[in-house]
N, C-alpha and C. Protein backbone atom coordinates (compact mmCIF):
# COMPACT_ATOMS: atom_id res chain seq x y z
N UNK A 1 183.58 134.26 45.31
CA UNK A 1 184.98 134.88 44.98
C UNK A 1 185.76 133.59 44.90
N UNK A 2 186.76 133.63 43.79
CA UNK A 2 187.48 132.67 43.52
C UNK A 2 188.63 132.60 44.37
N UNK A 3 189.10 131.43 44.45
CA UNK A 3 190.37 131.15 45.36
C UNK A 3 191.64 131.65 44.70
N UNK A 4 192.52 132.71 45.41
CA UNK A 4 193.64 133.30 44.66
C UNK A 4 194.91 132.71 45.24
N UNK A 5 194.97 131.61 45.98
CA UNK A 5 196.33 131.07 46.55
C UNK A 5 196.05 129.62 46.32
N UNK A 6 197.34 128.94 45.92
CA UNK A 6 197.24 127.55 45.69
C UNK A 6 197.36 126.85 47.05
N UNK A 7 196.79 125.50 47.09
CA UNK A 7 197.01 124.69 48.22
C UNK A 7 198.07 123.72 47.81
N UNK A 8 199.19 123.84 48.56
CA UNK A 8 200.39 122.81 48.21
C UNK A 8 200.67 121.97 49.58
N UNK A 9 201.27 120.86 49.25
CA UNK A 9 201.70 120.01 50.37
C UNK A 9 203.07 120.63 51.00
N UNK A 10 203.39 120.21 52.25
CA UNK A 10 204.47 120.86 52.89
C UNK A 10 205.72 120.20 52.01
N UNK A 11 205.71 118.92 51.67
CA UNK A 11 206.62 118.22 51.10
C UNK A 11 207.24 119.01 49.81
N UNK A 12 205.94 119.36 48.85
CA UNK A 12 206.15 120.17 47.63
C UNK A 12 206.77 121.52 48.22
N UNK A 13 206.20 122.23 49.23
CA UNK A 13 206.87 123.47 49.35
C UNK A 13 208.33 123.39 49.69
N UNK A 14 208.71 122.36 50.53
CA UNK A 14 210.14 122.28 50.93
C UNK A 14 210.88 121.80 49.76
N UNK A 15 210.43 121.00 48.93
CA UNK A 15 211.16 120.61 47.79
C UNK A 15 211.16 121.53 46.70
N UNK A 16 210.22 122.49 46.70
CA UNK A 16 210.32 123.67 45.80
C UNK A 16 209.66 123.17 44.35
N UNK A 17 208.79 122.07 44.43
CA UNK A 17 208.28 121.36 43.47
C UNK A 17 207.01 122.13 42.66
N UNK A 18 206.63 123.11 43.44
CA UNK A 18 205.69 123.90 43.01
C UNK A 18 206.19 125.50 42.77
N UNK A 19 207.42 125.48 42.45
CA UNK A 19 207.94 126.95 42.22
C UNK A 19 207.29 127.67 41.10
N UNK A 20 207.15 127.19 40.11
CA UNK A 20 206.47 127.88 38.90
C UNK A 20 204.99 128.57 39.38
N UNK A 21 204.24 127.63 40.14
CA UNK A 21 202.92 128.20 40.53
C UNK A 21 203.14 129.07 41.76
N UNK A 22 204.10 129.08 42.54
CA UNK A 22 204.51 129.80 43.64
C UNK A 22 204.77 131.31 42.99
N UNK A 23 205.74 131.26 42.02
CA UNK A 23 206.18 132.47 41.42
C UNK A 23 205.07 133.43 40.70
N UNK A 24 204.26 132.55 39.95
CA UNK A 24 202.97 133.28 39.27
C UNK A 24 201.96 133.70 40.36
N UNK A 25 201.73 133.20 41.53
CA UNK A 25 200.87 133.55 42.22
C UNK A 25 201.51 134.70 43.09
N UNK A 26 202.73 134.61 43.52
CA UNK A 26 203.44 135.71 44.07
C UNK A 26 203.27 137.19 43.16
N UNK A 27 203.56 137.00 41.99
CA UNK A 27 203.67 137.96 41.18
C UNK A 27 202.25 138.66 40.93
N UNK A 28 201.20 137.75 40.77
CA UNK A 28 199.85 138.14 40.68
C UNK A 28 199.50 138.79 41.78
N UNK A 29 199.60 138.24 43.01
CA UNK A 29 199.10 138.71 44.11
C UNK A 29 199.73 140.00 44.69
N UNK A 30 200.97 140.16 44.46
CA UNK A 30 201.65 141.39 44.68
C UNK A 30 201.07 142.66 43.76
N UNK A 31 200.77 142.30 42.58
CA UNK A 31 200.32 143.15 41.63
C UNK A 31 199.00 143.75 42.13
N UNK A 32 198.01 142.68 42.65
CA UNK A 32 196.78 143.16 43.11
C UNK A 32 196.92 143.94 44.51
N UNK A 33 197.80 143.50 45.34
CA UNK A 33 198.32 144.28 46.53
C UNK A 33 198.62 145.57 46.32
N UNK A 34 199.37 145.84 45.33
CA UNK A 34 199.77 147.33 44.90
C UNK A 34 198.60 148.04 44.56
N UNK A 35 197.74 147.39 43.73
CA UNK A 35 196.55 148.10 43.09
C UNK A 35 195.68 148.36 44.22
N UNK A 36 195.24 147.38 45.26
CA UNK A 36 194.47 147.53 46.27
C UNK A 36 194.92 148.31 47.45
N UNK A 37 196.17 148.66 47.56
CA UNK A 37 196.97 149.33 48.54
C UNK A 37 196.94 148.36 49.80
N UNK A 38 197.24 147.17 49.78
CA UNK A 38 197.09 146.25 50.89
C UNK A 38 198.60 146.40 51.55
N UNK A 39 198.53 145.69 52.70
CA UNK A 39 199.72 145.85 53.57
C UNK A 39 200.45 144.28 53.67
N UNK A 40 199.70 143.20 53.04
CA UNK A 40 200.37 142.10 52.95
C UNK A 40 199.29 141.24 51.85
N UNK A 41 200.14 140.10 51.16
CA UNK A 41 199.27 139.33 50.44
C UNK A 41 199.74 137.96 50.67
N UNK A 42 198.74 137.04 50.46
CA UNK A 42 198.83 135.39 50.72
C UNK A 42 199.31 135.04 49.49
N UNK A 43 200.16 133.96 49.54
CA UNK A 43 200.91 133.43 48.26
C UNK A 43 200.62 131.62 48.32
N UNK A 44 200.26 131.23 49.46
CA UNK A 44 199.99 129.73 49.28
C UNK A 44 199.36 129.48 50.79
N UNK A 45 198.75 128.27 50.53
CA UNK A 45 198.22 127.47 52.02
C UNK A 45 198.90 126.07 51.92
N UNK A 46 199.46 125.77 53.04
CA UNK A 46 200.01 124.41 53.18
C UNK A 46 198.99 123.34 53.74
N UNK A 47 198.86 122.33 52.75
CA UNK A 47 197.73 121.46 53.13
C UNK A 47 197.98 120.59 54.34
N UNK A 48 196.82 120.42 54.98
CA UNK A 48 196.82 119.79 56.38
C UNK A 48 197.65 120.39 57.46
N UNK A 49 197.95 121.63 57.38
CA UNK A 49 198.57 122.49 58.34
C UNK A 49 197.96 123.64 58.80
N UNK A 50 196.84 124.07 58.08
CA UNK A 50 196.15 125.44 58.43
C UNK A 50 197.33 126.40 58.37
N UNK A 51 198.19 126.33 57.48
CA UNK A 51 199.26 127.65 57.60
C UNK A 51 199.04 128.32 56.16
N UNK A 52 198.83 129.66 56.10
CA UNK A 52 198.73 130.53 55.03
C UNK A 52 200.08 131.25 55.07
N UNK A 53 200.90 131.10 53.79
CA UNK A 53 202.08 131.91 53.56
C UNK A 53 201.78 133.25 53.20
N UNK A 54 201.96 134.33 54.01
CA UNK A 54 201.66 135.86 53.51
C UNK A 54 203.15 136.28 53.32
N UNK A 55 203.06 137.65 52.61
CA UNK A 55 204.09 138.24 52.21
C UNK A 55 203.90 139.58 52.66
N UNK A 56 204.45 140.17 53.64
CA UNK A 56 204.27 141.68 53.97
C UNK A 56 204.83 142.63 53.00
N UNK A 57 204.17 143.86 52.79
CA UNK A 57 204.64 144.71 51.86
C UNK A 57 205.96 145.09 51.94
N UNK A 58 206.57 144.99 53.05
CA UNK A 58 208.11 145.40 53.21
C UNK A 58 208.86 144.38 52.40
N UNK A 59 208.32 143.23 52.12
CA UNK A 59 209.26 142.21 51.46
C UNK A 59 208.81 142.06 50.04
N UNK A 60 207.82 142.75 49.50
CA UNK A 60 207.38 142.72 47.99
C UNK A 60 208.41 142.87 47.08
N UNK A 61 209.25 143.79 47.21
CA UNK A 61 210.24 144.32 46.31
C UNK A 61 211.24 142.98 46.38
N UNK A 62 211.60 142.48 47.35
CA UNK A 62 212.63 141.33 47.40
C UNK A 62 211.87 140.03 46.59
N UNK A 63 210.69 139.91 46.99
CA UNK A 63 210.06 138.87 46.40
C UNK A 63 209.86 138.99 44.88
N UNK A 64 209.48 140.18 44.47
CA UNK A 64 209.62 140.38 42.84
C UNK A 64 210.88 140.23 42.43
N UNK A 65 212.11 140.46 43.22
CA UNK A 65 213.50 140.47 42.57
C UNK A 65 213.92 139.03 42.37
N UNK A 66 213.43 138.19 43.29
CA UNK A 66 213.47 136.71 43.26
C UNK A 66 212.78 136.02 42.06
N UNK A 67 211.57 136.66 41.92
CA UNK A 67 210.73 136.17 40.80
C UNK A 67 211.19 136.57 39.46
N UNK A 68 211.94 137.73 39.28
CA UNK A 68 212.59 138.23 38.04
C UNK A 68 213.63 137.39 37.78
N UNK A 69 214.52 136.95 38.92
CA UNK A 69 215.63 136.09 38.58
C UNK A 69 215.05 135.06 38.17
N UNK A 70 214.05 134.31 38.67
CA UNK A 70 213.65 132.99 38.24
C UNK A 70 213.13 133.08 36.72
N UNK A 71 212.37 134.22 36.30
CA UNK A 71 211.83 134.32 34.93
C UNK A 71 212.86 134.61 33.98
N UNK A 72 213.99 135.18 34.42
CA UNK A 72 215.19 135.47 33.61
C UNK A 72 215.73 134.11 33.24
N UNK A 73 215.75 133.32 34.34
CA UNK A 73 216.39 131.77 34.23
C UNK A 73 215.66 131.04 33.08
N UNK A 74 214.25 131.21 33.17
CA UNK A 74 213.36 130.46 32.38
C UNK A 74 213.01 131.17 30.93
N UNK A 75 213.81 132.38 30.90
CA UNK A 75 213.68 133.15 29.72
C UNK A 75 212.28 133.51 29.34
N UNK A 76 211.55 133.93 30.28
CA UNK A 76 210.34 134.38 30.15
C UNK A 76 210.30 135.97 30.48
N UNK A 77 210.55 136.52 29.30
CA UNK A 77 211.00 138.05 29.47
C UNK A 77 209.71 138.81 29.43
N UNK A 78 208.59 138.31 28.93
CA UNK A 78 207.31 139.23 29.11
C UNK A 78 206.87 139.09 30.51
N UNK A 79 207.24 138.23 31.37
CA UNK A 79 206.87 138.15 32.71
C UNK A 79 207.95 139.18 33.48
N UNK A 80 209.09 139.17 32.92
CA UNK A 80 210.17 140.15 33.65
C UNK A 80 209.75 141.57 33.35
N UNK A 81 209.13 141.78 32.29
CA UNK A 81 208.69 143.15 32.06
C UNK A 81 207.59 143.59 32.86
N UNK A 82 206.63 142.72 33.25
CA UNK A 82 205.57 142.94 34.07
C UNK A 82 206.09 143.33 35.47
N UNK A 83 206.91 142.43 35.91
CA UNK A 83 207.75 142.41 37.29
C UNK A 83 208.40 143.77 37.31
N UNK A 84 209.34 144.17 36.22
CA UNK A 84 209.95 145.48 36.47
C UNK A 84 209.03 146.64 36.69
N UNK A 85 207.89 146.68 35.96
CA UNK A 85 206.91 147.66 36.05
C UNK A 85 206.30 147.57 37.53
N UNK A 86 206.15 146.42 38.07
CA UNK A 86 205.74 146.67 39.45
C UNK A 86 206.73 146.84 40.63
N UNK A 87 207.97 146.65 40.33
CA UNK A 87 209.01 146.99 41.17
C UNK A 87 208.96 148.57 41.00
N UNK A 88 209.04 149.10 39.92
CA UNK A 88 208.83 150.63 39.68
C UNK A 88 207.65 151.33 40.57
N UNK A 89 206.54 150.61 40.87
CA UNK A 89 205.44 151.09 41.48
C UNK A 89 205.64 151.14 42.97
N UNK A 90 206.65 150.34 43.51
CA UNK A 90 206.87 150.30 44.92
C UNK A 90 207.79 151.47 45.44
């Protein structure tokens, strides 16, 4: 099985240095969560801390809206279209 979450350092997480990677992982994993009817999805592991960041289903819509704002700012409208369809499924 391939790893579906990135391993990032606490410093990168706090500095939002890995934001593009985190947004991509968030959207991809929520899409899988919707498809597989999961109650939460993991989005990252913090290196050297044995911490996995998970997002419960109740937070998916908010997470997707944040991702939408991020991709609008980056003018990546194809990604926005995917996110809009995911939000409609929730």
